[in-house]
């Protein structure tokens, strides 16, 4: 069961003017499930994206980068689940191109105006014939208030659809922000998440979109991990339809730019944290907060060392305050000149270790009390400077092994 996470009701997901979603059951891997989604954009939308830094990236990631580089004006996106079209070589590229061509024909667009996305099993041929056959049904279903169904249609091993919305005021105009994401395993995004799509009707110049997508990912999806694996298909797309009635945002450092970025970052963090809460087999949601570092980079090194440690994660699953495992992870994080005599460790408000050793006032029952909670904060103070950073993760349970052992069954 996910950790304190329920799907947002469809009525609470605000339509974004200029964006329509269409959903279909194409039978890509399994029958009778939503597995094909089409996102349609009105002309004039601004689009930015970030993708996996895994060098073994999937065919759709390669094509998305190519199409965005052509600057033809993105008008549609095509998303399938059940098949990642990764590790498929030239044949995978041909099949992804064929899917773009099929949608372009339906919409009277050029294929370069389509962005394809895939998620699912790796090293299996993409059934692009089934995708093409499902397009008419998806297009017939296209409407602005279809975000909840879209969130379901991009799921793989997720147990809860992940979607959030908000509204703010920019320049006296109401602006809507809505986003969806998917992911539950193979998560240590080295850019973003498995798949994420966020749209706003705010007016943002195309020249800012790559920067906006990168900053949003860096503050949210790049701060979560479930199992330390970076997917071949990670993609995060940000759309501004430019339909709200306010002066265009031409700088993210302007007052309107800061307000918009903050509101979109809030949604991005909710989406990213939802992925962790729905991590495969997760029973605990953990915030790893590292402070007192010389740089943010070394704080992240320590946070990820803790968050990736199987020994730490299994101890949290067992509610066992075997906290020397955390200190060991701090020690091997890669800070060569780390002084262990300056390190403090907290579980929530419980001081566990002081100056590198067990705190005299620490009692095992206090640690166990915290470890039994479904949400826990691990705070490490390095005593080296003023930098800090935070990573969100989950525990590692029996079910994680079961889910991944049976994934292709």
Protein backbone atom coordinates (compact mmCIF):
# COMPACT_ATOMS: atom_id res chain seq x y z
CA UNK A 1 0.00 0.00 0.00
CA UNK A 2 1.27 3.51 -0.75
CA UNK A 3 2.42 5.62 2.20
CA UNK A 4 -0.22 8.25 3.00
CA UNK A 5 -1.12 8.73 -0.65
CA UNK A 6 -4.51 8.70 -2.34
CA UNK A 7 -5.40 9.68 -5.87
CA UNK A 8 -6.56 13.26 -6.33
CA UNK A 9 -10.27 13.27 -7.29
CA UNK A 10 -10.86 14.10 -10.93
CA UNK A 11 -12.98 17.08 -9.91
CA UNK A 12 -9.94 18.61 -8.15
CA UNK A 13 -7.78 18.50 -11.27
CA UNK A 14 -8.20 21.76 -13.16
CA UNK A 15 -8.34 21.71 -16.97
CA UNK A 16 -5.57 23.73 -18.58
CA UNK A 17 -6.83 25.82 -21.51
CA UNK A 18 -5.07 24.71 -24.67
CA UNK A 19 -4.42 21.12 -23.48
CA UNK A 20 -6.54 18.06 -24.23
CA UNK A 21 -5.93 14.43 -23.26
CA UNK A 22 -7.33 11.40 -25.07
CA UNK A 23 -7.11 7.88 -23.64
CA UNK A 24 -7.54 4.43 -25.18
CA UNK A 25 -7.08 0.73 -24.46
CA UNK A 26 -4.73 -0.47 -27.19
CA UNK A 27 -3.75 -3.85 -25.75
CA UNK A 28 -0.06 -2.96 -25.94
CA UNK A 29 0.92 -5.56 -23.33
CA UNK A 30 -2.25 -6.49 -21.47
CA UNK A 31 -5.89 -6.32 -22.45
CA UNK A 32 -8.53 -4.18 -20.77
CA UNK A 33 -6.32 -1.46 -19.39
CA UNK A 34 -5.70 2.16 -20.28
CA UNK A 35 -2.31 2.06 -21.97
CA UNK A 36 -2.36 4.73 -24.68
CA UNK A 37 -2.61 8.47 -24.19
CA UNK A 38 -2.49 11.38 -26.58
CA UNK A 39 -1.83 14.93 -25.40
CA UNK A 40 -2.98 17.60 -27.86
CA UNK A 41 -1.77 21.21 -27.77
CA UNK A 42 -3.22 24.30 -29.37
CA UNK A 43 -0.91 26.14 -31.72
CA UNK A 44 1.44 28.57 -29.99
CA UNK A 45 2.28 26.51 -26.91
CA UNK A 46 5.79 26.66 -25.46
CA UNK A 47 7.39 23.30 -24.58
CA UNK A 48 10.48 22.37 -22.57
CA UNK A 49 11.73 18.99 -21.40
CA UNK A 50 14.52 17.14 -19.66
CA UNK A 51 15.41 13.50 -20.21
CA UNK A 52 17.34 10.65 -18.68
CA UNK A 53 21.11 10.90 -18.55
CA UNK A 54 21.33 7.13 -18.85
CA UNK A 55 23.53 6.62 -21.93
CA UNK A 56 21.44 3.58 -22.83
CA UNK A 57 18.42 5.78 -23.46
CA UNK A 58 15.27 4.53 -25.12
CA UNK A 59 14.27 5.18 -28.73
CA UNK A 60 11.49 7.65 -27.83
CA UNK A 61 13.93 9.71 -25.74
CA UNK A 62 16.25 9.97 -28.74
CA UNK A 63 13.39 11.04 -31.00
CA UNK A 64 12.04 13.58 -28.49
CA UNK A 65 15.43 15.26 -28.33
CA UNK A 66 15.60 15.30 -32.11
CA UNK A 67 12.11 16.75 -32.57
CA UNK A 68 12.56 19.42 -29.90
CA UNK A 69 15.77 20.47 -31.61
CA UNK A 70 13.97 21.09 -34.90
CA UNK A 71 11.87 23.85 -33.30
CA UNK A 72 8.87 23.03 -35.50
CA UNK A 73 6.38 23.78 -32.74
CA UNK A 74 5.23 20.78 -30.70
CA UNK A 75 1.52 20.08 -31.16
CA UNK A 76 1.01 16.59 -29.73
CA UNK A 77 2.52 13.91 -27.51
CA UNK A 78 2.02 10.16 -27.73
CA UNK A 79 2.46 8.03 -24.60
CA UNK A 80 2.27 4.27 -24.29
CA UNK A 81 2.74 1.97 -21.31
CA UNK A 82 3.58 -1.73 -21.25
CA UNK A 83 6.61 -1.41 -23.53
CA UNK A 84 9.62 0.88 -23.02
CA UNK A 85 11.01 0.55 -26.55
CA UNK A 86 14.48 0.59 -24.98
CA UNK A 87 17.34 -1.68 -25.91
CA UNK A 88 15.70 -2.15 -29.30
CA UNK A 89 18.31 -0.61 -31.63
CA UNK A 90 17.47 0.72 -35.07
CA UNK A 91 14.23 -1.27 -35.15
CA UNK A 92 13.04 0.56 -32.04
CA UNK A 93 13.80 3.92 -33.63
CA UNK A 94 11.90 2.91 -36.77
CA UNK A 95 8.88 1.82 -34.74
CA UNK A 96 8.85 5.00 -32.68
CA UNK A 97 9.09 7.07 -35.87
CA UNK A 98 6.23 5.07 -37.36
CA UNK A 99 4.05 5.86 -34.36
CA UNK A 100 4.78 9.58 -34.74
CA UNK A 101 3.93 9.38 -38.43
CA UNK A 102 0.65 7.60 -37.65
CA UNK A 103 -0.44 10.30 -35.21
CA UNK A 104 0.77 13.10 -37.50
CA UNK A 105 -1.43 11.74 -40.29
CA UNK A 106 -4.46 11.67 -38.00
CA UNK A 107 -3.85 15.31 -36.99
CA UNK A 108 -2.56 16.66 -40.31
CA UNK A 109 0.75 17.62 -38.70
CA UNK A 110 4.37 16.85 -39.50
CA UNK A 111 5.96 13.99 -37.50
CA UNK A 112 8.49 16.46 -36.06
CA UNK A 113 5.61 18.12 -34.18
CA UNK A 114 4.99 14.91 -32.21
CA UNK A 115 6.86 13.83 -29.07
CA UNK A 116 6.72 10.07 -28.31
CA UNK A 117 7.06 8.53 -24.84
CA UNK A 118 7.14 4.90 -23.79
CA UNK A 119 7.41 3.07 -20.47
CA UNK A 120 7.33 -0.59 -19.52
CA UNK A 121 9.36 -3.67 -20.34
CA UNK A 122 12.81 -3.16 -21.89
CA UNK A 123 14.21 -5.03 -24.94
CA UNK A 124 10.90 -5.98 -26.49
CA UNK A 125 9.70 -4.71 -29.90
CA UNK A 126 7.22 -1.84 -29.71
CA UNK A 127 3.83 -3.00 -31.06
CA UNK A 128 3.39 0.18 -33.09
CA UNK A 129 0.61 -1.46 -35.12
CA UNK A 130 -1.51 -1.64 -31.95
CA UNK A 131 -0.63 1.95 -31.14
CA UNK A 132 -1.72 3.10 -34.61
CA UNK A 133 -4.93 1.09 -34.31
CA UNK A 134 -5.71 2.71 -30.94
CA UNK A 135 -5.21 6.30 -32.09
CA UNK A 136 -8.75 6.95 -33.42
CA UNK A 137 -10.28 5.97 -30.07
CA UNK A 138 -7.78 8.11 -28.16
CA UNK A 139 -8.41 11.13 -30.36
CA UNK A 140 -12.18 10.71 -30.10
CA UNK A 141 -11.77 10.79 -26.31
CA UNK A 142 -9.71 14.00 -26.27
CA UNK A 143 -10.95 16.67 -23.87
CA UNK A 144 -9.59 19.24 -21.42
CA UNK A 145 -10.94 17.57 -18.27
CA UNK A 146 -9.24 14.20 -18.85
CA UNK A 147 -6.22 14.60 -16.57
CA UNK A 148 -7.30 11.89 -14.09
CA UNK A 149 -7.66 9.30 -16.83
CA UNK A 150 -4.34 10.38 -18.30
CA UNK A 151 -2.66 9.82 -14.93
CA UNK A 152 -4.04 6.27 -14.93
CA UNK A 153 -3.07 5.63 -18.54
CA UNK A 154 0.64 6.28 -17.96
CA UNK A 155 0.93 3.91 -14.95
CA UNK A 156 2.95 0.69 -14.93
CA UNK A 157 3.59 -0.82 -11.48
CA UNK A 158 2.10 2.26 -9.80
CA UNK A 159 -0.80 1.53 -7.45
CA UNK A 160 -2.10 5.11 -7.31
CA UNK A 161 -2.54 7.64 -10.11
CA UNK A 162 -0.42 10.72 -9.42
CA UNK A 163 -1.89 14.12 -10.32
CA UNK A 164 -2.07 17.55 -8.70
CA UNK A 165 -3.41 21.01 -9.59
CA UNK A 166 -3.26 24.56 -8.38
CA UNK A 167 -4.24 28.06 -9.42
CA UNK A 168 -2.45 31.34 -8.84
CA UNK A 169 -2.81 34.94 -9.98
CA UNK A 170 -0.26 36.51 -12.31
CA UNK A 171 -0.65 40.10 -13.44
CA UNK A 172 -4.27 40.10 -12.30
CA UNK A 173 -5.10 36.96 -14.32
CA UNK A 174 -5.93 33.49 -13.06
CA UNK A 175 -3.34 30.90 -14.07
CA UNK A 176 -3.84 27.12 -13.87
CA UNK A 177 -1.15 24.49 -13.28
CA UNK A 178 -1.84 20.76 -13.54
CA UNK A 179 0.62 17.87 -13.64
CA UNK A 180 0.75 14.08 -13.69
CA UNK A 181 3.57 11.58 -13.24
CA UNK A 182 4.20 7.87 -13.05
CA UNK A 183 6.88 5.79 -11.40
CA UNK A 184 7.22 3.27 -8.60
CA UNK A 185 10.45 1.40 -9.31
CA UNK A 186 13.72 1.87 -11.23
CA UNK A 187 13.78 5.34 -9.70
CA UNK A 188 16.87 7.39 -9.11
CA UNK A 189 16.12 9.99 -11.74
CA UNK A 190 19.27 11.62 -12.99
CA UNK A 191 17.16 14.43 -14.43
CA UNK A 192 13.48 13.98 -13.73
CA UNK A 193 11.11 11.09 -13.23
CA UNK A 194 10.07 8.01 -15.17
CA UNK A 195 7.39 10.06 -16.94
CA UNK A 196 6.00 13.44 -15.95
CA UNK A 197 3.85 16.00 -17.73
CA UNK A 198 3.01 19.44 -16.39
CA UNK A 199 1.04 22.17 -18.12
CA UNK A 200 0.01 25.73 -17.40
CA UNK A 201 -1.90 28.30 -19.38
CA UNK A 202 0.61 30.94 -18.27
CA UNK A 203 2.32 32.98 -20.97
CA UNK A 204 5.98 31.96 -21.05
CA UNK A 205 8.39 32.54 -23.91
CA UNK A 206 9.72 29.44 -25.64
CA UNK A 207 13.25 30.54 -24.82
CA UNK A 208 12.63 30.03 -21.09
CA UNK A 209 11.07 26.56 -21.27
CA UNK A 210 14.24 24.45 -21.21
CA UNK A 211 15.49 26.41 -18.21
CA UNK A 212 12.12 26.13 -16.46
CA UNK A 213 11.92 22.37 -17.00
CA UNK A 214 15.48 21.90 -15.73
CA UNK A 215 14.94 24.00 -12.61
CA UNK A 216 11.67 22.27 -11.76
CA UNK A 217 13.25 18.83 -12.19
CA UNK A 218 16.31 19.79 -10.19
CA UNK A 219 14.20 20.89 -7.23
CA UNK A 220 11.86 17.90 -7.24
CA UNK A 221 12.37 14.76 -9.31
CA UNK A 222 16.14 14.97 -8.98
CA UNK A 223 15.71 14.72 -5.22
CA UNK A 224 13.93 11.37 -5.03
CA UNK A 225 15.13 7.79 -5.11
CA UNK A 226 13.49 4.43 -4.57
CA UNK A 227 16.11 1.88 -5.58
CA UNK A 228 19.03 3.86 -7.04
CA UNK A 229 18.39 2.84 -10.66
CA UNK A 230 18.22 5.48 -13.37
CA UNK A 231 15.69 4.48 -16.03
CA UNK A 232 16.32 4.39 -19.76
CA UNK A 233 13.11 6.35 -20.39
CA UNK A 234 13.00 9.18 -17.83
CA UNK A 235 11.21 12.19 -19.31
CA UNK A 236 9.71 15.33 -17.80
CA UNK A 237 7.85 17.76 -20.05
CA UNK A 238 6.64 21.24 -19.18
CA UNK A 239 4.07 23.06 -21.34
CA UNK A 240 2.92 26.68 -21.27
CA UNK A 241 -0.08 27.21 -23.56
CA UNK A 242 0.17 31.04 -23.43
CA UNK A 243 -3.60 31.44 -23.11
CA UNK A 244 -3.87 33.24 -19.77
CA UNK A 245 -4.52 36.97 -19.93
CA UNK A 246 -1.34 38.41 -18.44
CA UNK A 247 1.87 39.90 -19.73
CA UNK A 248 4.31 37.22 -20.92
CA UNK A 249 6.94 35.97 -18.49
CA UNK A 250 10.27 36.73 -20.12
CA UNK A 251 12.52 36.09 -17.10
CA UNK A 252 12.24 33.54 -14.30
CA UNK A 253 13.86 36.13 -12.04
CA UNK A 254 11.01 38.62 -12.51
CA UNK A 255 8.28 38.80 -9.87
CA UNK A 256 5.85 36.88 -12.09
CA UNK A 257 8.58 34.43 -13.08
CA UNK A 258 9.41 33.68 -9.45
CA UNK A 259 5.75 33.27 -8.54
CA UNK A 260 5.09 30.92 -11.44
CA UNK A 261 8.22 28.87 -10.80
CA UNK A 262 7.37 28.52 -7.09
CA UNK A 263 3.83 27.35 -7.85
CA UNK A 264 5.00 24.88 -10.48
CA UNK A 265 7.79 23.62 -8.19
CA UNK A 266 5.19 22.91 -5.51
CA UNK A 267 3.28 20.69 -7.95
CA UNK A 268 6.49 19.05 -9.17
CA UNK A 269 7.52 18.20 -5.60
CA UNK A 270 4.12 16.71 -4.85
CA UNK A 271 4.41 14.56 -7.95
CA UNK A 272 7.97 13.50 -7.10
CA UNK A 273 7.13 12.68 -3.50
CA UNK A 274 4.06 10.74 -4.67
CA UNK A 275 6.40 8.48 -6.65
CA UNK A 276 8.33 7.71 -3.46
CA UNK A 277 5.15 7.20 -1.43
CA UNK A 278 4.04 4.70 -4.06
CA UNK A 279 7.45 3.06 -4.32
CA UNK A 280 7.30 -0.64 -5.05
CA UNK A 281 6.59 -2.33 -1.72
CA UNK A 282 7.12 0.89 0.27
CA UNK A 283 5.87 1.10 3.86
CA UNK A 284 7.85 4.16 5.00
CA UNK A 285 8.38 7.63 3.51
CA UNK A 286 11.73 9.05 4.56
CA UNK A 287 13.11 12.58 4.27
CA UNK A 288 16.93 12.60 4.30
CA UNK A 289 18.06 16.09 5.27
CA UNK A 290 21.78 16.85 5.27
CA UNK A 291 23.05 20.20 6.51
CA UNK A 292 26.28 21.81 7.58
CA UNK A 293 28.12 20.86 4.40
CA UNK A 294 30.67 22.87 2.47
CA UNK A 295 28.62 22.55 -0.73
CA UNK A 296 25.19 21.37 -1.75
CA UNK A 297 26.86 18.69 -3.88
CA UNK A 298 28.51 17.01 -0.91
CA UNK A 299 25.26 17.20 1.04
CA UNK A 300 23.54 15.37 -1.82
CA UNK A 301 26.31 12.75 -1.85
CA UNK A 302 25.64 11.99 1.80
CA UNK A 303 21.87 12.05 1.41
CA UNK A 304 21.96 9.64 -1.53
CA UNK A 305 24.44 7.34 0.22
CA UNK A 306 21.94 6.98 3.06
CA UNK A 307 18.91 6.77 0.77
CA UNK A 308 20.47 4.08 -1.46
CA UNK A 309 21.85 1.85 1.29
CA UNK A 310 20.01 -1.51 1.33
CA UNK A 311 21.05 -1.94 4.96
CA UNK A 312 19.54 1.40 5.93
CA UNK A 313 16.38 0.83 3.90
CA UNK A 314 15.77 -2.66 5.30
CA UNK A 315 16.35 -1.42 8.86
CA UNK A 316 13.63 1.16 8.33
CA UNK A 317 11.31 -1.50 6.94
CA UNK A 318 11.88 -3.55 10.11
CA UNK A 319 11.51 -0.47 12.37
CA UNK A 320 14.91 -1.44 13.76
CA UNK A 321 16.97 1.52 15.02
CA UNK A 322 20.24 -0.02 13.82
CA UNK A 323 21.49 3.49 13.25
CA UNK A 324 25.17 2.74 12.88
CA UNK A 325 24.21 1.86 9.30
CA UNK A 326 23.39 5.52 8.69
CA UNK A 327 26.72 6.71 10.07
CA UNK A 328 28.51 4.13 7.93
CA UNK A 329 26.74 5.47 4.82
CA UNK A 330 27.78 9.01 5.73
CA UNK A 331 31.37 7.79 6.00
CA UNK A 332 31.50 6.15 2.57
CA UNK A 333 29.61 8.91 0.73
CA UNK A 334 32.83 10.21 -0.81
CA UNK A 335 33.88 13.22 1.29
CA UNK A 336 37.62 12.59 1.64
CA UNK A 337 38.30 15.15 4.37
CA UNK A 338 35.19 14.39 6.46
CA UNK A 339 35.76 14.81 10.20
CA UNK A 340 33.59 12.22 11.94
CA UNK A 341 33.98 13.97 15.31
CA UNK A 342 31.80 16.83 14.06
CA UNK A 343 28.85 14.77 12.86
CA UNK A 344 25.46 14.82 14.58
CA UNK A 345 22.57 12.50 13.66
CA UNK A 346 18.88 12.99 14.40
CA UNK A 347 15.79 10.84 13.88
CA UNK A 348 13.03 13.43 13.77
CA UNK A 349 13.67 15.35 17.02
CA UNK A 350 15.67 12.56 18.68
CA UNK A 351 19.42 13.25 18.89
CA UNK A 352 21.03 9.87 18.23
CA UNK A 353 24.71 10.68 17.72
CA UNK A 354 26.66 13.70 18.89
CA UNK A 355 30.15 14.56 17.63
CA UNK A 356 30.39 11.21 15.87
CA UNK A 357 29.42 9.02 18.81
CA UNK A 358 26.27 7.80 20.51
CA UNK A 359 24.58 10.67 22.34
CA UNK A 360 24.62 10.11 26.07
CA UNK A 361 20.92 10.91 26.32
CA UNK A 362 19.83 8.63 23.49
CA UNK A 363 17.55 5.76 24.46
CA UNK A 364 16.82 2.81 22.18
CA UNK A 365 13.10 3.09 22.82
CA UNK A 366 13.12 6.67 21.49
CA UNK A 367 14.71 5.52 18.25
CA UNK A 368 12.27 2.64 17.94
CA UNK A 369 9.32 4.96 18.51
CA UNK A 370 10.37 7.08 15.57
CA UNK A 371 11.21 4.10 13.37
CA UNK A 372 7.68 2.74 13.73
CA UNK A 373 6.22 5.87 12.11
CA UNK A 374 5.16 5.80 8.49
CA UNK A 375 6.97 9.12 7.86
CA UNK A 376 10.44 9.76 9.24
CA UNK A 377 13.05 12.49 8.90
CA UNK A 378 16.72 11.59 9.08
CA UNK A 379 18.80 14.71 9.73
CA UNK A 380 22.58 14.67 9.45
CA UNK A 381 24.68 17.68 10.50
CA UNK A 382 28.16 17.52 8.98
CA UNK A 383 29.70 20.47 10.84
CA UNK A 384 31.62 21.68 7.78
CA UNK A 385 29.75 24.75 6.52
CA UNK A 386 26.31 26.20 5.81
CA UNK A 387 25.17 24.23 2.74
CA UNK A 388 22.22 21.84 2.90
CA UNK A 389 20.09 19.61 0.69
CA UNK A 390 17.23 17.13 0.96
CA UNK A 391 16.39 13.82 -0.69
CA UNK A 392 13.19 11.78 -0.33
CA UNK A 393 13.20 7.99 -0.32
CA UNK A 394 11.38 4.92 0.99
CA UNK A 395 12.21 1.67 2.71
CA UNK A 396 12.99 -1.66 1.03
CA UNK A 397 10.53 -4.44 1.77
CA UNK A 398 9.85 -8.06 0.82
CA UNK A 399 7.27 -6.83 -1.68
CA UNK A 400 9.87 -4.87 -3.65
CA UNK A 401 11.62 -8.14 -4.46
CA UNK A 402 8.34 -9.89 -5.28
CA UNK A 403 7.13 -7.11 -7.59
CA UNK A 404 10.37 -6.99 -9.55
CA UNK A 405 10.79 -10.75 -9.65
CA UNK A 406 7.34 -11.06 -11.23
CA UNK A 407 7.43 -7.89 -13.37
CA UNK A 408 7.43 -9.63 -16.74
CA UNK A 409 4.98 -12.37 -15.74
